[in-house]
Amino acid sequence: MKLKKYLQKNKLTQNQFIDELHKNTGRKIGQGTVSKYILGQRIPRKEEMLVIYDFTEGKVSPNDFYL
């Protein structure tokens, strides 16, 4: 599932997602960075991908960031 769809399905704004991710994982990802992930302008580094994968319980996988 693409990150954008995950946010829509869970009724989260980008900032809410960032805050929850930070609370649960201790990792902080910038809003501009998340926006670029959603728009396909940037692909997360391995560490960020794994954090997002774990936080979303596998719903957003690394393959979802590639076209």
PDB file of N, CA and C in Angstrom:
ATOM      1  N   MET A   1       0.857  -1.165   0.000  1.00  0.00           N
ATOM      2  CA  MET A   1       0.000   0.000   0.000  1.00  0.00           C
ATOM      3  C   MET A   1       0.907   1.233   0.000  1.00  0.00           C
ATOM      4  N   LYS A   2       0.599   2.170  -0.850  1.00  0.00           N
ATOM      5  CA  LYS A   2       1.357   3.421  -0.894  1.00  0.00           C
ATOM      6  C   LYS A   2       1.137   4.198   0.394  1.00  0.00           C
ATOM      7  N   LEU A   3       2.115   5.004   0.759  1.00  0.00           N
ATOM      8  CA  LEU A   3       2.036   5.792   1.990  1.00  0.00           C
ATOM      9  C   LEU A   3       0.830   6.733   1.965  1.00  0.00           C
ATOM     10  N   LYS A   4       0.566   7.331   0.829  1.00  0.00           N
ATOM     11  CA  LYS A   4      -0.578   8.244   0.709  1.00  0.00           C
ATOM     12  C   LYS A   4      -1.886   7.516   1.038  1.00  0.00           C
ATOM     13  N   LYS A   5      -2.044   6.326   0.497  1.00  0.00           N
ATOM     14  CA  LYS A   5      -3.257   5.546   0.749  1.00  0.00           C
ATOM     15  C   LYS A   5      -3.344   5.139   2.220  1.00  0.00           C
ATOM     16  N   TYR A   6      -2.205   4.795   2.823  1.00  0.00           N
ATOM     17  CA  TYR A   6      -2.176   4.442   4.243  1.00  0.00           C
ATOM     18  C   TYR A   6      -2.665   5.624   5.086  1.00  0.00           C
ATOM     19  N   LEU A   7      -2.182   6.821   4.775  1.00  0.00           N
ATOM     20  CA  LEU A   7      -2.608   8.006   5.527  1.00  0.00           C
ATOM     21  C   LEU A   7      -4.104   8.250   5.357  1.00  0.00           C
ATOM     22  N   GLN A   8      -4.594   8.129   4.133  1.00  0.00           N
ATOM     23  CA  GLN A   8      -6.026   8.329   3.880  1.00  0.00           C
ATOM     24  C   GLN A   8      -6.862   7.297   4.619  1.00  0.00           C
ATOM     25  N   LYS A   9      -6.463   6.044   4.537  1.00  0.00           N
ATOM     26  CA  LYS A   9      -7.218   4.964   5.160  1.00  0.00           C
ATOM     27  C   LYS A   9      -7.278   5.115   6.680  1.00  0.00           C
ATOM     28  N   ASN A  10      -6.190   5.606   7.270  1.00  0.00           N
ATOM     29  CA  ASN A  10      -6.120   5.767   8.719  1.00  0.00           C
ATOM     30  C   ASN A  10      -6.472   7.182   9.178  1.00  0.00           C
ATOM     31  N   LYS A  11      -6.939   7.995   8.225  1.00  0.00           N
ATOM     32  CA  LYS A  11      -7.372   9.375   8.508  1.00  0.00           C
ATOM     33  C   LYS A  11      -6.302  10.153   9.267  1.00  0.00           C
ATOM     34  N   LEU A  12      -5.090  10.099   8.728  1.00  0.00           N
ATOM     35  CA  LEU A  12      -3.962  10.800   9.323  1.00  0.00           C
ATOM     36  C   LEU A  12      -3.460  11.879   8.376  1.00  0.00           C
ATOM     37  N   THR A  13      -3.137  13.032   8.932  1.00  0.00           N
ATOM     38  CA  THR A  13      -2.435  14.031   8.140  1.00  0.00           C
ATOM     39  C   THR A  13      -0.962  13.656   8.156  1.00  0.00           C
ATOM     40  N   GLN A  14      -0.188  14.301   7.317  1.00  0.00           N
ATOM     41  CA  GLN A  14       1.246  14.019   7.311  1.00  0.00           C
ATOM     42  C   GLN A  14       1.845  14.323   8.684  1.00  0.00           C
ATOM     43  N   ASN A  15       1.447  15.442   9.281  1.00  0.00           N
ATOM     44  CA  ASN A  15       1.986  15.811  10.591  1.00  0.00           C
ATOM     45  C   ASN A  15       1.565  14.834  11.679  1.00  0.00           C
ATOM     46  N   GLN A  16       0.339  14.344  11.631  1.00  0.00           N
ATOM     47  CA  GLN A  16      -0.102  13.352  12.609  1.00  0.00           C
ATOM     48  C   GLN A  16       0.706  12.063  12.454  1.00  0.00           C
ATOM     49  N   PHE A  17       0.940  11.656  11.209  1.00  0.00           N
ATOM     50  CA  PHE A  17       1.741  10.475  10.933  1.00  0.00           C
ATOM     51  C   PHE A  17       3.151  10.642  11.501  1.00  0.00           C
ATOM     52  N   ILE A  18       3.751  11.803  11.255  1.00  0.00           N
ATOM     53  CA  ILE A  18       5.098  12.085  11.743  1.00  0.00           C
ATOM     54  C   ILE A  18       5.138  12.036  13.266  1.00  0.00           C
ATOM     55  N   ASP A  19       4.150  12.650  13.910  1.00  0.00           N
ATOM     56  CA  ASP A  19       4.100  12.656  15.378  1.00  0.00           C
ATOM     57  C   ASP A  19       3.942  11.247  15.942  1.00  0.00           C
ATOM     58  N   GLU A  20       3.036  10.461  15.374  1.00  0.00           N
ATOM     59  CA  GLU A  20       2.821   9.093  15.843  1.00  0.00           C
ATOM     60  C   GLU A  20       4.057   8.225  15.608  1.00  0.00           C
ATOM     61  N   LEU A  21       4.663   8.391  14.449  1.00  0.00           N
ATOM     62  CA  LEU A  21       5.878   7.654  14.130  1.00  0.00           C
ATOM     63  C   LEU A  21       6.966   7.985  15.155  1.00  0.00           C
ATOM     64  N   HIS A  22       7.109   9.256  15.458  1.00  0.00           N
ATOM     65  CA  HIS A  22       8.126   9.685  16.427  1.00  0.00           C
ATOM     66  C   HIS A  22       7.837   9.129  17.824  1.00  0.00           C
ATOM     67  N   LYS A  23       6.582   9.178  18.241  1.00  0.00           N
ATOM     68  CA  LYS A  23       6.197   8.654  19.561  1.00  0.00           C
ATOM     69  C   LYS A  23       6.486   7.160  19.682  1.00  0.00           C
ATOM     70  N   ASN A  24       6.181   6.427  18.615  1.00  0.00           N
ATOM     71  CA  ASN A  24       6.289   4.964  18.666  1.00  0.00           C
ATOM     72  C   ASN A  24       7.667   4.418  18.346  1.00  0.00           C
ATOM     73  N   THR A  25       8.460   5.167  17.593  1.00  0.00           N
ATOM     74  CA  THR A  25       9.746   4.630  17.162  1.00  0.00           C
ATOM     75  C   THR A  25      10.935   5.468  17.625  1.00  0.00           C
ATOM     76  N   GLY A  26      10.668   6.704  18.015  1.00  0.00           N
ATOM     77  CA  GLY A  26      11.760   7.602  18.387  1.00  0.00           C
ATOM     78  C   GLY A  26      12.447   8.233  17.193  1.00  0.00           C
ATOM     79  N   ARG A  27      11.988   7.899  15.993  1.00  0.00           N
ATOM     80  CA  ARG A  27      12.570   8.456  14.758  1.00  0.00           C
ATOM     81  C   ARG A  27      11.752   9.638  14.296  1.00  0.00           C
ATOM     82  N   LYS A  28      12.426  10.696  13.903  1.00  0.00           N
ATOM     83  CA  LYS A  28      11.753  11.901  13.422  1.00  0.00           C
ATOM     84  C   LYS A  28      12.054  12.044  11.936  1.00  0.00           C
ATOM     85  N   ILE A  29      11.007  12.135  11.148  1.00  0.00           N
ATOM     86  CA  ILE A  29      11.134  12.368   9.711  1.00  0.00           C
ATOM     87  C   ILE A  29      10.439  13.702   9.436  1.00  0.00           C
ATOM     88  N   GLY A  30      11.080  14.558   8.687  1.00  0.00           N
ATOM     89  CA  GLY A  30      10.535  15.879   8.398  1.00  0.00           C
ATOM     90  C   GLY A  30       9.297  15.827   7.525  1.00  0.00           C
ATOM     91  N   GLN A  31       8.449  16.843   7.655  1.00  0.00           N
ATOM     92  CA  GLN A  31       7.214  16.905   6.881  1.00  0.00           C
ATOM     93  C   GLN A  31       7.513  17.018   5.391  1.00  0.00           C
ATOM     94  N   GLY A  32       8.524  17.806   5.029  1.00  0.00           N
ATOM     95  CA  GLY A  32       8.890  17.939   3.621  1.00  0.00           C
ATOM     96  C   GLY A  32       9.363  16.620   3.034  1.00  0.00           C
ATOM     97  N   THR A  33      10.048  15.856   3.834  1.00  0.00           N
ATOM     98  CA  THR A  33      10.533  14.547   3.399  1.00  0.00           C
ATOM     99  C   THR A  33       9.371  13.595   3.176  1.00  0.00           C
ATOM    100  N   VAL A  34       8.428  13.566   4.120  1.00  0.00           N
ATOM    101  CA  VAL A  34       7.251  12.705   3.970  1.00  0.00           C
ATOM    102  C   VAL A  34       6.463  13.113   2.732  1.00  0.00           C
ATOM    103  N   SER A  35       6.328  14.408   2.512  1.00  0.00           N
ATOM    104  CA  SER A  35       5.623  14.898   1.328  1.00  0.00           C
ATOM    105  C   SER A  35       6.300  14.401   0.053  1.00  0.00           C
ATOM    106  N   LYS A  36       7.620  14.433   0.012  1.00  0.00           N
ATOM    107  CA  LYS A  36       8.346  13.944  -1.169  1.00  0.00           C
ATOM    108  C   LYS A  36       8.185  12.442  -1.345  1.00  0.00           C
ATOM    109  N   TYR A  37       8.109  11.695  -0.239  1.00  0.00           N
ATOM    110  CA  TYR A  37       7.849  10.255  -0.336  1.00  0.00           C
ATOM    111  C   TYR A  37       6.495  10.022  -0.997  1.00  0.00           C
ATOM    112  N   ILE A  38       5.497  10.785  -0.557  1.00  0.00           N
ATOM    113  CA  ILE A  38       4.132  10.622  -1.071  1.00  0.00           C
ATOM    114  C   ILE A  38       4.049  10.990  -2.552  1.00  0.00           C
ATOM    115  N   LEU A  39       4.748  12.049  -2.933  1.00  0.00           N
ATOM    116  CA  LEU A  39       4.715  12.507  -4.322  1.00  0.00           C
ATOM    117  C   LEU A  39       5.618  11.685  -5.245  1.00  0.00           C
ATOM    118  N   GLY A  40       6.402  10.783  -4.672  1.00  0.00           N
ATOM    119  CA  GLY A  40       7.302   9.970  -5.477  1.00  0.00           C
ATOM    120  C   GLY A  40       8.551  10.714  -5.909  1.00  0.00           C
ATOM    121  N   GLN A  41       8.853  11.835  -5.261  1.00  0.00           N
ATOM    122  CA  GLN A  41      10.029  12.624  -5.609  1.00  0.00           C
ATOM    123  C   GLN A  41      11.272  12.153  -4.861  1.00  0.00           C
ATOM    124  N   ARG A  42      11.063  11.328  -3.878  1.00  0.00           N
ATOM    125  CA  ARG A  42      12.178  10.825  -3.074  1.00  0.00           C
ATOM    126  C   ARG A  42      11.824   9.432  -2.560  1.00  0.00           C
ATOM    127  N   ILE A  43      12.833   8.588  -2.467  1.00  0.00           N
ATOM    128  CA  ILE A  43      12.647   7.244  -1.924  1.00  0.00           C
ATOM    129  C   ILE A  43      13.367   7.198  -0.580  1.00  0.00           C
ATOM    130  N   PRO A  44      12.712   6.684   0.445  1.00  0.00           N
ATOM    131  CA  PRO A  44      13.350   6.632   1.764  1.00  0.00           C
ATOM    132  C   PRO A  44      14.615   5.782   1.756  1.00  0.00           C
ATOM    133  N   ARG A  45      15.548   6.174   2.598  1.00  0.00           N
ATOM    134  CA  ARG A  45      16.730   5.339   2.814  1.00  0.00           C
ATOM    135  C   ARG A  45      16.282   4.063   3.515  1.00  0.00           C
ATOM    136  N   LYS A  46      17.164   3.094   3.509  1.00  0.00           N
ATOM    137  CA  LYS A  46      16.837   1.794   4.090  1.00  0.00           C
ATOM    138  C   LYS A  46      16.319   1.925   5.521  1.00  0.00           C
ATOM    139  N   GLU A  47      16.988   2.732   6.335  1.00  0.00           N
ATOM    140  CA  GLU A  47      16.591   2.887   7.742  1.00  0.00           C
ATOM    141  C   GLU A  47      15.176   3.442   7.865  1.00  0.00           C
ATOM    142  N   GLU A  48      14.877   4.490   7.080  1.00  0.00           N
ATOM    143  CA  GLU A  48      13.540   5.081   7.128  1.00  0.00           C
ATOM    144  C   GLU A  48      12.488   4.112   6.614  1.00  0.00           C
ATOM    145  N   MET A  49      12.839   3.369   5.559  1.00  0.00           N
ATOM    146  CA  MET A  49      11.895   2.383   5.018  1.00  0.00           C
ATOM    147  C   MET A  49      11.518   1.353   6.079  1.00  0.00           C
ATOM    148  N   LEU A  50      12.520   0.871   6.787  1.00  0.00           N
ATOM    149  CA  LEU A  50      12.257  -0.141   7.810  1.00  0.00           C
ATOM    150  C   LEU A  50      11.434   0.419   8.962  1.00  0.00           C
ATOM    151  N   VAL A  51      11.674   1.672   9.329  1.00  0.00           N
ATOM    152  CA  VAL A  51      10.890   2.314  10.391  1.00  0.00           C
ATOM    153  C   VAL A  51       9.434   2.448   9.948  1.00  0.00           C
ATOM    154  N   ILE A  52       9.221   2.903   8.726  1.00  0.00           N
ATOM    155  CA  ILE A  52       7.851   3.058   8.200  1.00  0.00           C
ATOM    156  C   ILE A  52       7.182   1.690   8.087  1.00  0.00           C
ATOM    157  N   TYR A  53       7.912   0.691   7.594  1.00  0.00           N
ATOM    158  CA  TYR A  53       7.375  -0.665   7.467  1.00  0.00           C
ATOM    159  C   TYR A  53       6.930  -1.202   8.831  1.00  0.00           C
ATOM    160  N   ASP A  54       7.792  -1.062   9.821  1.00  0.00           N
ATOM    161  CA  ASP A  54       7.457  -1.545  11.172  1.00  0.00           C
ATOM    162  C   ASP A  54       6.294  -0.764  11.766  1.00  0.00           C
ATOM    163  N   PHE A  55       6.318   0.559  11.630  1.00  0.00           N
ATOM    164  CA  PHE A  55       5.270   1.390  12.211  1.00  0.00           C
ATOM    165  C   PHE A  55       3.907   1.083  11.594  1.00  0.00           C
ATOM    166  N   THR A  56       3.881   0.836  10.292  1.00  0.00           N
ATOM    167  CA  THR A  56       2.614   0.565   9.604  1.00  0.00           C
ATOM    168  C   THR A  56       2.240  -0.915   9.653  1.00  0.00           C
ATOM    169  N   GLU A  57       2.988  -1.679  10.436  1.00  0.00           N
ATOM    170  CA  GLU A  57       2.757  -3.120  10.582  1.00  0.00           C
ATOM    171  C   GLU A  57       2.789  -3.836   9.236  1.00  0.00           C
ATOM    172  N   GLY A  58       3.717  -3.426   8.391  1.00  0.00           N
ATOM    173  CA  GLY A  58       3.915  -4.072   7.099  1.00  0.00           C
ATOM    174  C   GLY A  58       2.978  -3.631   6.001  1.00  0.00           C
ATOM    175  N   LYS A  59       2.088  -2.702   6.299  1.00  0.00           N
ATOM    176  CA  LYS A  59       1.122  -2.264   5.272  1.00  0.00           C
ATOM    177  C   LYS A  59       1.792  -1.418   4.198  1.00  0.00           C
ATOM    178  N   VAL A  60       2.803  -0.642   4.584  1.00  0.00           N
ATOM    179  CA  VAL A  60       3.595   0.122   3.615  1.00  0.00           C
ATOM    180  C   VAL A  60       4.963  -0.548   3.552  1.00  0.00           C
ATOM    181  N   SER A  61       5.213  -1.230   2.458  1.00  0.00           N
ATOM    182  CA  SER A  61       6.464  -1.987   2.331  1.00  0.00           C
ATOM    183  C   SER A  61       7.463  -1.209   1.474  1.00  0.00           C
ATOM    184  N   PRO A  62       8.726  -1.583   1.530  1.00  0.00           N
ATOM    185  CA  PRO A  62       9.729  -0.911   0.699  1.00  0.00           C
ATOM    186  C   PRO A  62       9.367  -0.908  -0.793  1.00  0.00           C
ATOM    187  N   ASN A  63       8.791  -1.986  -1.285  1.00  0.00           N
ATOM    188  CA  ASN A  63       8.409  -2.045  -2.699  1.00  0.00           C
ATOM    189  C   ASN A  63       7.368  -0.990  -3.079  1.00  0.00           C
ATOM    190  N   ASP A  64       6.610  -0.518  -2.103  1.00  0.00           N
ATOM    191  CA  ASP A  64       5.574   0.481  -2.381  1.00  0.00           C
ATOM    192  C   ASP A  64       6.148   1.843  -2.743  1.00  0.00           C
ATOM    193  N   PHE A  65       7.429   2.055  -2.514  1.00  0.00           N
ATOM    194  CA  PHE A  65       8.052   3.336  -2.843  1.00  0.00           C
ATOM    195  C   PHE A  65       8.622   3.367  -4.253  1.00  0.00           C
ATOM    196  N   TYR A  66       8.577   2.231  -4.924  1.00  0.00           N
ATOM    197  CA  TYR A  66       9.078   2.153  -6.304  1.00  0.00           C
ATOM    198  C   TYR A  66       7.891   2.048  -7.255  1.00  0.00           C
ATOM    199  N   LEU A  67       8.070   2.596  -8.440  1.00  0.00           N
ATOM    200  CA  LEU A  67       6.971   2.577  -9.423  1.00  0.00           C
ATOM    201  C   LEU A  67       6.735   1.262 -10.009  1.00  0.00           C
TER     202      LEU A  67
END
